Amino acid sequence: MTESYRWRGYELFENVRHQMEEMLRGIFAPYAPGGGPTARPRWTPHVDVIENETSYTILADLPGVDPSQLEITLQQGVLILRGERPPESLDTGALYLQRERAEGAFERRISLPQAVNPESVQARSRWGVVLITLSKEPSATPRRIPVISEEAETT
């Protein structure tokens, strides 16, 4: 049984980059325009990017985000997700003992390695997960070239 595995080391670097962005955003949010001691850092949704021969599929975890308020744009090979998760309106006198769920505005940019057909982009939401499908441009998909044998053409 022969299986070919693609090297996935870039995923490790992407995860580290994402974690560093979150950490730096949390540290410097109070110093950003409109920030202050009570400023909440912006957050970035987690995504999976899946590729096959003809398309990309992106799964974005966006629980609590109204799909009608989600803005998805494709610009020069970059898919941009923008939106906002509103704060939960709980008892105003309650004291948080632990708070890990992010709220507020977010933006996530995903660079696509190959050209996609902007007319083919489709998005749907189910249970807080947004599924985005993008078809590759026909010129970006690999095409097998047949080899014609010259021996068969001799008379």
N, C-alpha and C. Protein backbone atom coordinates (compact mmCIF):
# COMPACT_ATOMS: atom_id res chain seq x y z
N MET A 1 0.85 -1.18 0.00
CA MET A 1 0.00 0.00 0.00
C MET A 1 0.89 1.24 0.00
N THR A 2 0.76 2.03 -1.02
CA THR A 2 1.58 3.23 -1.14
C THR A 2 0.69 4.46 -0.97
N GLU A 3 1.00 5.27 0.00
CA GLU A 3 0.27 6.51 0.20
C GLU A 3 1.25 7.66 0.17
N SER A 4 0.87 8.74 -0.46
CA SER A 4 1.73 9.91 -0.45
C SER A 4 1.19 10.91 0.57
N TYR A 5 2.07 11.42 1.37
CA TYR A 5 1.69 12.39 2.39
C TYR A 5 2.29 13.74 2.04
N ARG A 6 1.47 14.77 2.08
CA ARG A 6 1.96 16.12 1.89
C ARG A 6 2.56 16.61 3.18
N TRP A 7 3.66 17.30 3.11
CA TRP A 7 4.29 17.84 4.30
C TRP A 7 3.38 18.91 4.87
N ARG A 8 3.05 18.80 6.15
CA ARG A 8 2.12 19.70 6.80
C ARG A 8 2.80 20.61 7.81
N GLY A 9 4.11 20.78 7.67
CA GLY A 9 4.83 21.64 8.60
C GLY A 9 4.33 23.07 8.58
N TYR A 10 3.84 23.52 7.43
CA TYR A 10 3.34 24.90 7.34
C TYR A 10 2.16 25.11 8.28
N GLU A 11 1.40 24.03 8.54
CA GLU A 11 0.27 24.17 9.48
C GLU A 11 0.77 24.53 10.87
N LEU A 12 1.88 23.93 11.26
CA LEU A 12 2.48 24.25 12.56
C LEU A 12 2.84 25.73 12.61
N PHE A 13 3.47 26.24 11.56
CA PHE A 13 3.86 27.65 11.54
C PHE A 13 2.64 28.56 11.50
N GLU A 14 1.60 28.15 10.79
CA GLU A 14 0.37 28.96 10.74
C GLU A 14 -0.27 29.01 12.12
N ASN A 15 -0.29 27.89 12.83
CA ASN A 15 -0.86 27.88 14.18
C ASN A 15 -0.06 28.76 15.13
N VAL A 16 1.26 28.71 15.03
CA VAL A 16 2.11 29.56 15.88
C VAL A 16 1.87 31.03 15.54
N ARG A 17 1.78 31.36 14.25
CA ARG A 17 1.53 32.74 13.84
C ARG A 17 0.20 33.23 14.40
N HIS A 18 -0.81 32.39 14.30
CA HIS A 18 -2.14 32.75 14.80
C HIS A 18 -2.10 32.99 16.31
N GLN A 19 -1.43 32.13 17.05
CA GLN A 19 -1.33 32.28 18.50
C GLN A 19 -0.55 33.55 18.87
N MET A 20 0.50 33.85 18.12
CA MET A 20 1.28 35.07 18.38
C MET A 20 0.43 36.31 18.12
N GLU A 21 -0.37 36.30 17.03
CA GLU A 21 -1.24 37.44 16.74
C GLU A 21 -2.23 37.66 17.89
N GLU A 22 -2.83 36.58 18.37
CA GLU A 22 -3.79 36.69 19.47
C GLU A 22 -3.12 37.24 20.73
N MET A 23 -1.92 36.75 21.03
CA MET A 23 -1.21 37.20 22.22
C MET A 23 -0.85 38.69 22.10
N LEU A 24 -0.30 39.08 20.96
CA LEU A 24 0.09 40.48 20.78
C LEU A 24 -1.12 41.40 20.75
N ARG A 25 -2.21 40.95 20.15
CA ARG A 25 -3.44 41.75 20.14
C ARG A 25 -3.93 41.97 21.57
N GLY A 26 -3.85 40.93 22.39
CA GLY A 26 -4.28 41.05 23.78
C GLY A 26 -3.39 42.00 24.58
N ILE A 27 -2.09 41.98 24.31
CA ILE A 27 -1.16 42.85 25.03
C ILE A 27 -1.33 44.30 24.63
N PHE A 28 -1.47 44.56 23.32
CA PHE A 28 -1.46 45.93 22.84
C PHE A 28 -2.84 46.54 22.61
N ALA A 29 -3.92 45.80 22.84
CA ALA A 29 -5.27 46.33 22.64
C ALA A 29 -5.53 47.62 23.42
N PRO A 30 -5.06 47.74 24.68
CA PRO A 30 -5.32 48.98 25.40
C PRO A 30 -4.66 50.21 24.77
N TYR A 31 -3.64 50.01 23.94
CA TYR A 31 -2.91 51.13 23.35
C TYR A 31 -3.38 51.44 21.94
N ALA A 32 -4.30 50.63 21.42
CA ALA A 32 -4.83 50.85 20.07
C ALA A 32 -5.81 52.01 20.09
N PRO A 33 -6.07 52.64 18.94
CA PRO A 33 -7.06 53.71 18.89
C PRO A 33 -8.39 53.21 19.45
N GLY A 34 -8.98 53.97 20.35
CA GLY A 34 -10.23 53.58 20.97
C GLY A 34 -10.04 52.59 22.11
N GLY A 35 -8.79 52.29 22.41
CA GLY A 35 -8.50 51.34 23.49
C GLY A 35 -8.42 52.04 24.82
N GLY A 36 -8.10 51.32 25.81
CA GLY A 36 -7.98 51.83 27.16
C GLY A 36 -7.90 50.67 28.12
N PRO A 37 -7.89 50.92 29.39
CA PRO A 37 -7.74 49.84 30.35
C PRO A 37 -8.85 48.79 30.26
N THR A 38 -10.02 49.19 29.80
CA THR A 38 -11.13 48.23 29.72
C THR A 38 -11.36 47.72 28.31
N ALA A 39 -10.47 48.05 27.37
CA ALA A 39 -10.65 47.62 25.98
C ALA A 39 -10.53 46.11 25.87
N ARG A 40 -11.46 45.52 25.15
CA ARG A 40 -11.41 44.07 24.90
C ARG A 40 -10.65 43.85 23.60
N PRO A 41 -9.72 42.92 23.58
CA PRO A 41 -9.00 42.68 22.33
C PRO A 41 -9.93 42.12 21.26
N ARG A 42 -9.60 42.44 20.02
CA ARG A 42 -10.32 41.82 18.91
C ARG A 42 -9.96 40.36 18.89
N TRP A 43 -10.79 39.56 18.29
CA TRP A 43 -10.53 38.13 18.24
C TRP A 43 -10.52 37.65 16.80
N THR A 44 -10.00 36.47 16.60
CA THR A 44 -9.92 35.89 15.27
C THR A 44 -10.52 34.49 15.31
N PRO A 45 -11.50 34.22 14.48
CA PRO A 45 -12.10 32.88 14.49
C PRO A 45 -11.12 31.82 13.98
N HIS A 46 -11.26 30.61 14.49
CA HIS A 46 -10.46 29.49 14.02
C HIS A 46 -11.07 28.96 12.73
N VAL A 47 -10.20 28.58 11.79
CA VAL A 47 -10.66 28.06 10.50
C VAL A 47 -9.89 26.81 10.11
N ASP A 48 -10.52 26.00 9.28
CA ASP A 48 -9.86 24.90 8.58
C ASP A 48 -9.94 25.25 7.11
N VAL A 49 -8.83 25.07 6.38
CA VAL A 49 -8.81 25.28 4.94
C VAL A 49 -8.49 23.93 4.30
N ILE A 50 -9.39 23.45 3.47
CA ILE A 50 -9.26 22.14 2.86
C ILE A 50 -9.19 22.33 1.35
N GLU A 51 -8.25 21.63 0.73
CA GLU A 51 -8.07 21.75 -0.72
C GLU A 51 -8.25 20.39 -1.38
N ASN A 52 -8.93 20.38 -2.53
CA ASN A 52 -8.92 19.20 -3.39
C ASN A 52 -8.54 19.68 -4.79
N GLU A 53 -8.66 18.82 -5.79
CA GLU A 53 -8.19 19.18 -7.13
C GLU A 53 -8.93 20.37 -7.73
N THR A 54 -10.21 20.54 -7.39
CA THR A 54 -11.01 21.55 -8.08
C THR A 54 -11.48 22.70 -7.20
N SER A 55 -11.30 22.59 -5.87
CA SER A 55 -11.86 23.64 -5.02
C SER A 55 -11.17 23.73 -3.66
N TYR A 56 -11.54 24.78 -2.94
CA TYR A 56 -11.16 24.97 -1.54
C TYR A 56 -12.44 24.99 -0.72
N THR A 57 -12.36 24.43 0.47
CA THR A 57 -13.46 24.50 1.41
C THR A 57 -12.91 25.09 2.69
N ILE A 58 -13.59 26.08 3.23
CA ILE A 58 -13.16 26.73 4.46
C ILE A 58 -14.27 26.57 5.48
N LEU A 59 -13.90 26.07 6.66
CA LEU A 59 -14.82 25.94 7.78
C LEU A 59 -14.39 26.95 8.83
N ALA A 60 -15.28 27.84 9.22
CA ALA A 60 -14.96 28.88 10.21
C ALA A 60 -15.88 28.71 11.41
N ASP A 61 -15.28 28.62 12.60
CA ASP A 61 -16.05 28.53 13.83
C ASP A 61 -16.52 29.92 14.24
N LEU A 62 -17.83 30.16 14.12
CA LEU A 62 -18.40 31.47 14.42
C LEU A 62 -19.67 31.37 15.25
N PRO A 63 -19.64 30.62 16.36
CA PRO A 63 -20.85 30.54 17.18
C PRO A 63 -21.20 31.91 17.75
N GLY A 64 -22.48 32.22 17.79
CA GLY A 64 -22.93 33.49 18.33
C GLY A 64 -22.89 34.64 17.35
N VAL A 65 -22.42 34.38 16.11
CA VAL A 65 -22.35 35.43 15.08
C VAL A 65 -23.55 35.24 14.16
N ASP A 66 -24.33 36.30 13.98
CA ASP A 66 -25.49 36.27 13.10
C ASP A 66 -25.00 36.14 11.65
N PRO A 67 -25.33 35.05 10.96
CA PRO A 67 -24.85 34.88 9.58
C PRO A 67 -25.22 36.03 8.66
N SER A 68 -26.35 36.69 8.90
CA SER A 68 -26.75 37.81 8.04
C SER A 68 -25.85 39.04 8.25
N GLN A 69 -25.14 39.08 9.35
CA GLN A 69 -24.23 40.19 9.64
C GLN A 69 -22.79 39.87 9.27
N LEU A 70 -22.53 38.66 8.78
CA LEU A 70 -21.19 38.24 8.40
C LEU A 70 -20.86 38.77 7.01
N GLU A 71 -19.71 39.39 6.88
CA GLU A 71 -19.28 39.92 5.58
C GLU A 71 -18.14 39.05 5.07
N ILE A 72 -18.35 38.47 3.88
CA ILE A 72 -17.33 37.63 3.25
C ILE A 72 -16.98 38.27 1.92
N THR A 73 -15.69 38.58 1.72
CA THR A 73 -15.24 39.16 0.46
C THR A 73 -14.03 38.40 -0.05
N LEU A 74 -13.86 38.43 -1.35
CA LEU A 74 -12.70 37.83 -2.01
C LEU A 74 -12.00 38.94 -2.76
N GLN A 75 -10.74 39.17 -2.41
CA GLN A 75 -10.01 40.29 -3.01
C GLN A 75 -8.57 39.86 -3.28
N GLN A 76 -8.20 39.80 -4.55
CA GLN A 76 -6.85 39.48 -5.00
C GLN A 76 -6.31 38.22 -4.33
N GLY A 77 -7.09 37.14 -4.37
CA GLY A 77 -6.66 35.86 -3.84
C GLY A 77 -6.70 35.74 -2.33
N VAL A 78 -7.33 36.70 -1.67
CA VAL A 78 -7.46 36.66 -0.21
C VAL A 78 -8.94 36.67 0.15
N LEU A 79 -9.36 35.66 0.92
CA LEU A 79 -10.73 35.61 1.42
C LEU A 79 -10.76 36.32 2.76
N ILE A 80 -11.69 37.27 2.91
CA ILE A 80 -11.76 38.07 4.14
C ILE A 80 -13.10 37.82 4.82
N LEU A 81 -13.05 37.44 6.09
CA LEU A 81 -14.25 37.26 6.91
C LEU A 81 -14.28 38.38 7.92
N ARG A 82 -15.40 39.13 7.96
CA ARG A 82 -15.56 40.21 8.94
C ARG A 82 -16.92 40.07 9.61
N GLY A 83 -16.95 40.43 10.86
CA GLY A 83 -18.22 40.39 11.57
C GLY A 83 -18.03 40.78 13.01
N GLU A 84 -19.04 40.49 13.80
CA GLU A 84 -18.98 40.86 15.22
C GLU A 84 -19.81 39.87 16.02
N ARG A 85 -19.27 39.46 17.14
CA ARG A 85 -20.03 38.65 18.08
C ARG A 85 -20.45 39.58 19.20
N PRO A 86 -21.76 39.81 19.36
CA PRO A 86 -22.21 40.74 20.40
C PRO A 86 -21.98 40.14 21.79
N PRO A 87 -21.83 40.99 22.78
CA PRO A 87 -21.65 40.47 24.15
C PRO A 87 -22.94 39.82 24.63
N GLU A 88 -22.79 38.81 25.44
CA GLU A 88 -23.95 38.15 26.03
C GLU A 88 -24.56 39.08 27.07
N SER A 89 -25.87 39.19 27.08
CA SER A 89 -26.53 40.04 28.06
C SER A 89 -27.01 39.16 29.22
N LEU A 90 -26.13 39.02 30.20
CA LEU A 90 -26.45 38.23 31.38
C LEU A 90 -26.78 39.18 32.53
N ASP A 91 -26.98 38.63 33.66
CA ASP A 91 -27.25 39.42 34.86
C ASP A 91 -26.15 40.47 35.03
N THR A 92 -26.53 41.75 35.06
CA THR A 92 -25.53 42.82 35.14
C THR A 92 -24.78 42.83 36.47
N GLY A 93 -25.35 42.25 37.50
CA GLY A 93 -24.66 42.21 38.78
C GLY A 93 -23.75 41.01 38.95
N ALA A 94 -23.70 40.14 37.93
CA ALA A 94 -22.91 38.92 38.03
C ALA A 94 -21.43 39.23 37.87
N LEU A 95 -20.60 38.43 38.51
CA LEU A 95 -19.15 38.56 38.45
C LEU A 95 -18.59 37.36 37.70
N TYR A 96 -17.82 37.63 36.67
CA TYR A 96 -17.20 36.54 35.92
C TYR A 96 -16.11 35.91 36.79
N LEU A 97 -16.14 34.61 36.93
CA LEU A 97 -15.07 33.88 37.60
C LEU A 97 -14.03 33.42 36.59
N GLN A 98 -14.47 33.23 35.36
CA GLN A 98 -13.58 32.86 34.27
C GLN A 98 -14.21 33.38 32.99
N ARG A 99 -13.40 33.96 32.13
CA ARG A 99 -13.93 34.50 30.88
C ARG A 99 -12.96 34.18 29.76
N GLU A 100 -13.37 33.29 28.86
CA GLU A 100 -12.51 32.87 27.75
C GLU A 100 -13.13 33.15 26.39
N ARG A 101 -14.43 33.30 26.34
CA ARG A 101 -15.11 33.50 25.07
C ARG A 101 -14.96 34.94 24.61
N ALA A 102 -14.47 35.09 23.40
CA ALA A 102 -14.24 36.43 22.87
C ALA A 102 -15.54 37.04 22.35
N GLU A 103 -15.58 38.34 22.34
CA GLU A 103 -16.72 39.07 21.79
C GLU A 103 -16.19 40.29 21.08
N GLY A 104 -17.05 40.90 20.30
CA GLY A 104 -16.68 42.11 19.58
C GLY A 104 -16.35 41.82 18.13
N ALA A 105 -15.74 42.79 17.48
CA ALA A 105 -15.44 42.72 16.05
C ALA A 105 -14.30 41.75 15.79
N PHE A 106 -14.33 41.14 14.61
CA PHE A 106 -13.24 40.27 14.19
C PHE A 106 -13.02 40.43 12.70
N GLU A 107 -11.84 40.04 12.27
CA GLU A 107 -11.50 39.97 10.86
C GLU A 107 -10.49 38.85 10.69
N ARG A 108 -10.72 38.02 9.69
CA ARG A 108 -9.80 36.92 9.40
C ARG A 108 -9.52 36.94 7.92
N ARG A 109 -8.23 36.95 7.56
CA ARG A 109 -7.81 36.94 6.16
C ARG A 109 -7.16 35.60 5.86
N ILE A 110 -7.57 34.99 4.76
CA ILE A 110 -7.04 33.69 4.37
C ILE A 110 -6.51 33.80 2.95
N SER A 111 -5.21 33.65 2.80
CA SER A 111 -4.59 33.70 1.47
C SER A 111 -4.77 32.35 0.79
N LEU A 112 -5.25 32.39 -0.43
CA LEU A 112 -5.45 31.17 -1.20
C LEU A 112 -4.30 31.00 -2.17
N PRO A 113 -3.70 29.81 -2.24
CA PRO A 113 -2.50 29.64 -3.05
C PRO A 113 -2.74 29.67 -4.56
N GLN A 114 -3.97 29.42 -5.01
CA GLN A 114 -4.26 29.43 -6.44
C GLN A 114 -5.47 30.30 -6.71
N ALA A 115 -5.59 30.71 -7.98
CA ALA A 115 -6.72 31.56 -8.38
C ALA A 115 -8.04 30.81 -8.24
N VAL A 116 -9.05 31.53 -7.76
CA VAL A 116 -10.38 30.95 -7.65
C VAL A 116 -11.36 31.77 -8.49
N ASN A 117 -12.45 31.14 -8.84
CA ASN A 117 -13.49 31.80 -9.62
C ASN A 117 -14.37 32.59 -8.65
N PRO A 118 -14.34 33.93 -8.69
CA PRO A 118 -15.11 34.72 -7.73
C PRO A 118 -16.62 34.50 -7.84
N GLU A 119 -17.09 34.07 -9.00
CA GLU A 119 -18.53 33.83 -9.19
C GLU A 119 -18.97 32.51 -8.54
N SER A 120 -18.02 31.68 -8.17
CA SER A 120 -18.37 30.35 -7.66
C SER A 120 -18.43 30.30 -6.13
N VAL A 121 -18.11 31.37 -5.45
CA VAL A 121 -18.04 31.34 -3.99
C VAL A 121 -19.43 31.16 -3.40
N GLN A 122 -19.55 30.18 -2.51
CA GLN A 122 -20.82 29.91 -1.83
C GLN A 122 -20.53 29.80 -0.34
N ALA A 123 -21.45 30.29 0.49
CA ALA A 123 -21.29 30.21 1.94
C ALA A 123 -22.61 29.81 2.57
N ARG A 124 -22.51 28.97 3.59
CA ARG A 124 -23.70 28.59 4.35
C ARG A 124 -23.29 28.38 5.80
N SER A 125 -24.25 28.52 6.69
CA SER A 125 -23.98 28.43 8.12
C SER A 125 -24.86 27.36 8.74
N ARG A 126 -24.27 26.58 9.65
CA ARG A 126 -25.03 25.57 10.37
C ARG A 126 -24.40 25.38 11.74
N TRP A 127 -25.18 25.60 12.76
CA TRP A 127 -24.76 25.39 14.15
C TRP A 127 -23.49 26.16 14.50
N GLY A 128 -23.36 27.37 13.98
CA GLY A 128 -22.22 28.20 14.33
C GLY A 128 -20.97 27.95 13.51
N VAL A 129 -21.05 27.05 12.54
CA VAL A 129 -19.92 26.80 11.65
C VAL A 129 -20.30 27.29 10.26
N VAL A 130 -19.47 28.18 9.70
CA VAL A 130 -19.71 28.69 8.36
C VAL A 130 -18.85 27.90 7.39
N LEU A 131 -19.49 27.34 6.36
CA LEU A 131 -18.80 26.55 5.34
C LEU A 131 -18.75 27.38 4.07
N ILE A 132 -17.56 27.65 3.58
CA ILE A 132 -17.37 28.46 2.37
C ILE A 132 -16.69 27.56 1.33
N THR A 133 -17.28 27.52 0.12
CA THR A 133 -16.72 26.72 -0.96
C THR A 133 -16.31 27.66 -2.09
N LEU A 134 -15.08 27.48 -2.57
CA LEU A 134 -14.56 28.30 -3.65
C LEU A 134 -14.00 27.38 -4.73
N SER A 135 -14.49 27.48 -5.96
CA SER A 135 -13.97 26.66 -7.06
C SER A 135 -12.71 27.30 -7.62
N LYS A 136 -11.73 26.46 -7.92
CA LYS A 136 -10.50 26.95 -8.53
C LYS A 136 -10.79 27.33 -9.98
N GLU A 137 -10.02 28.29 -10.47
CA GLU A 137 -10.11 28.64 -11.88
C GLU A 137 -9.66 27.42 -12.69
N PRO A 138 -10.30 27.16 -13.83
CA PRO A 138 -9.89 25.99 -14.62
C PRO A 138 -8.40 26.02 -14.97
N SER A 139 -7.85 27.20 -15.20
CA SER A 139 -6.43 27.30 -15.54
C SER A 139 -5.53 26.98 -14.35
N ALA A 140 -6.08 27.01 -13.12
CA ALA A 140 -5.29 26.73 -11.93
C ALA A 140 -5.29 25.26 -11.55
N THR A 141 -6.20 24.49 -12.14
CA THR A 141 -6.26 23.07 -11.80
C THR A 141 -5.31 22.29 -12.70
N PRO A 142 -4.64 21.28 -12.14
CA PRO A 142 -3.72 20.49 -12.95
C PRO A 142 -4.46 19.75 -14.06
N ARG A 143 -3.81 19.65 -15.20
CA ARG A 143 -4.40 18.95 -16.33
C ARG A 143 -3.38 17.95 -16.85
N ARG A 144 -3.81 16.71 -16.99
CA ARG A 144 -2.91 15.68 -17.48
C ARG A 144 -2.77 15.81 -18.99
N ILE A 145 -1.54 15.76 -19.46
CA ILE A 145 -1.24 15.88 -20.88
C ILE A 145 -0.94 14.49 -21.42
N PRO A 146 -1.71 14.02 -22.40
CA PRO A 146 -1.41 12.69 -22.95
C PRO A 146 -0.14 12.73 -23.80
N VAL A 147 0.62 11.65 -23.78
CA VAL A 147 1.84 11.53 -24.59
C VAL A 147 1.52 10.61 -25.76
N ILE A 148 1.76 11.11 -26.95
CA ILE A 148 1.48 10.34 -28.15
C ILE A 148 2.77 9.64 -28.58
N SER A 149 2.66 8.35 -28.77
CA SER A 149 3.82 7.56 -29.17
C SER A 149 4.05 7.72 -30.66
N GLU A 150 5.27 8.07 -31.07
CA GLU A 150 5.59 8.22 -32.47
C GLU A 150 5.80 6.87 -33.16
N GLU A 151 6.12 5.82 -32.34
CA GLU A 151 6.31 4.50 -32.92
C GLU A 151 5.02 4.00 -33.55
N ALA A 152 3.89 4.33 -32.97
CA ALA A 152 2.61 3.84 -33.47
C ALA A 152 2.21 4.53 -34.77
N GLU A 153 2.83 5.66 -35.11
CA GLU A 153 2.46 6.41 -36.29
C GLU A 153 3.24 6.02 -37.53
N THR A 154 4.27 5.20 -37.41
CA THR A 154 5.09 4.84 -38.58
C THR A 154 4.29 3.93 -39.52
N THR A 155 4.52 4.08 -40.81
CA THR A 155 3.80 3.27 -41.79
C THR A 155 4.68 2.26 -42.45
